[in-house]
Amino acid sequence: MATATKKKSSTSVKLQPLGDRLVVQREESEGRTEGGIYLPDTAKNKPTRGVVVSIGDGRLLEDGSRAPMQVKAGDRVLFTSYAGETIEIGDEEYLLMSEGELLAVIE
């Protein structure tokens, strides 16, 4: 089980998702088109790809056990543009989402 750690001043913040939730850091969007035109931040689409930073323990099953997560920290994943809840830690932006909101793992 990994945790997201971000240094902020002299303290560090650890983010440990619960259950079947995971923390994803979005990939940077392209700042330039194929034709060489630079795009301002307002014209960029939010990327639907990211890297899993940390994962929870897994979904709780009826018998009290936990289902193992299908992804692990470090996996590159695809998700919809509306997936997850945006959270900011320091100057970094992360998405907190459930495992069911993922579409695929990029290998």
Protein backbone atom coordinates (compact mmCIF):
# COMPACT_ATOMS: atom_id res chain seq x y z
CA MET A 1 0.00 0.00 0.00
CA ALA A 2 1.58 3.30 -1.08
CA THR A 3 0.89 6.77 0.20
CA ALA A 4 1.08 10.09 -1.60
CA THR A 5 3.59 12.36 0.11
CA LYS A 6 4.05 16.02 -0.73
CA LYS A 7 6.58 18.23 1.05
CA LYS A 8 5.09 21.53 2.19
CA SER A 9 7.34 23.77 4.25
CA SER A 10 8.60 21.65 7.13
CA THR A 11 5.60 19.28 7.25
CA SER A 12 4.66 16.44 4.94
CA VAL A 13 1.12 15.48 4.01
CA LYS A 14 0.27 11.83 3.53
CA LEU A 15 -2.84 10.88 1.61
CA GLN A 16 -4.12 7.32 2.18
CA PRO A 17 -7.38 6.57 0.33
CA LEU A 18 -9.94 4.28 1.97
CA GLY A 19 -11.67 1.21 0.55
CA ASP A 20 -11.67 0.98 -3.24
CA ARG A 21 -10.51 4.57 -3.74
CA LEU A 22 -7.24 5.67 -5.30
CA VAL A 23 -5.24 8.85 -5.82
CA VAL A 24 -4.24 9.76 -9.39
CA GLN A 25 -2.01 12.55 -10.62
CA ARG A 26 -3.10 13.83 -14.03
CA GLU A 27 -0.57 13.98 -16.85
CA GLU A 28 0.29 17.44 -18.10
CA SER A 29 -1.75 18.62 -21.09
CA GLU A 30 -0.01 19.57 -24.28
CA GLY A 31 0.83 23.27 -24.44
CA ARG A 32 1.32 23.26 -28.20
CA THR A 33 -0.62 21.84 -31.14
CA GLU A 34 0.93 19.66 -33.84
CA GLY A 35 1.04 22.76 -36.07
CA GLY A 36 3.16 24.59 -33.49
CA ILE A 37 0.50 26.90 -32.03
CA TYR A 38 0.87 27.48 -28.28
CA LEU A 39 -2.34 27.08 -26.27
CA PRO A 40 -3.27 29.11 -23.20
CA ASP A 41 -4.39 27.18 -20.10
CA THR A 42 -8.05 28.08 -20.73
CA ALA A 43 -8.00 26.45 -24.18
CA LYS A 44 -6.46 23.16 -23.05
CA ASN A 45 -8.57 20.08 -22.46
CA LYS A 46 -7.96 18.31 -19.17
CA PRO A 47 -6.04 15.11 -19.85
CA THR A 48 -7.86 11.84 -19.19
CA ARG A 49 -4.64 10.00 -18.38
CA GLY A 50 -2.70 9.87 -15.18
CA VAL A 51 -0.46 7.92 -12.83
CA VAL A 52 -1.75 6.12 -9.75
CA VAL A 53 -0.04 7.62 -6.70
CA SER A 54 -1.64 5.55 -3.92
CA ILE A 55 -4.41 2.98 -3.46
CA GLY A 56 -6.79 1.92 -0.71
CA ASP A 57 -7.24 -1.52 0.82
CA GLY A 58 -9.88 -2.66 -1.68
CA ARG A 59 -13.66 -2.99 -1.77
CA LEU A 60 -15.27 -4.56 1.30
CA LEU A 61 -17.08 -7.80 0.39
CA GLU A 62 -20.19 -9.23 2.08
CA ASP A 63 -18.14 -11.84 3.96
CA GLY A 64 -15.96 -9.10 5.53
CA SER A 65 -12.90 -9.71 3.37
CA ARG A 66 -11.45 -7.20 0.93
CA ALA A 67 -11.33 -7.57 -2.87
CA PRO A 68 -7.80 -6.88 -4.14
CA MET A 69 -7.30 -3.72 -6.19
CA GLN A 70 -6.71 -4.24 -9.92
CA VAL A 71 -4.20 -1.39 -10.12
CA LYS A 72 -1.09 -0.54 -8.15
CA ALA A 73 0.88 2.62 -7.45
CA GLY A 74 2.83 3.67 -10.54
CA ASP A 75 0.29 2.33 -13.09
CA ARG A 76 -0.67 4.68 -15.95
CA VAL A 77 -4.46 4.75 -16.29
CA LEU A 78 -7.28 6.16 -18.44
CA PHE A 79 -10.44 7.72 -16.98
CA THR A 80 -13.28 9.99 -18.11
CA SER A 81 -12.90 13.74 -17.91
CA TYR A 82 -15.59 13.86 -15.19
CA ALA A 83 -14.05 11.14 -13.01
CA GLY A 84 -12.86 11.78 -9.50
CA GLU A 85 -12.79 14.64 -7.08
CA THR A 86 -10.03 17.22 -7.54
CA ILE A 87 -7.92 17.91 -4.46
CA GLU A 88 -4.90 20.17 -4.05
CA ILE A 89 -1.97 19.48 -1.74
CA GLY A 90 0.51 22.30 -1.75
CA ASP A 91 0.96 23.28 -5.38
CA GLU A 92 0.11 19.78 -6.72
CA GLU A 93 -3.32 18.71 -7.98
CA TYR A 94 -4.59 15.14 -7.54
CA LEU A 95 -7.77 13.23 -8.30
CA LEU A 96 -9.42 11.06 -5.67
CA MET A 97 -11.61 8.46 -7.40
CA SER A 98 -13.02 4.99 -6.97
CA GLU A 99 -11.51 2.06 -8.84
CA GLY A 100 -14.77 1.71 -10.82
CA GLU A 101 -14.19 5.09 -12.47
CA LEU A 102 -11.06 3.84 -14.25
CA LEU A 103 -11.47 2.78 -17.87
CA ALA A 104 -8.16 1.05 -18.57
CA VAL A 105 -4.54 0.55 -17.55
CA ILE A 106 -1.96 1.71 -20.11
CA GLU A 107 0.86 -0.82 -20.53
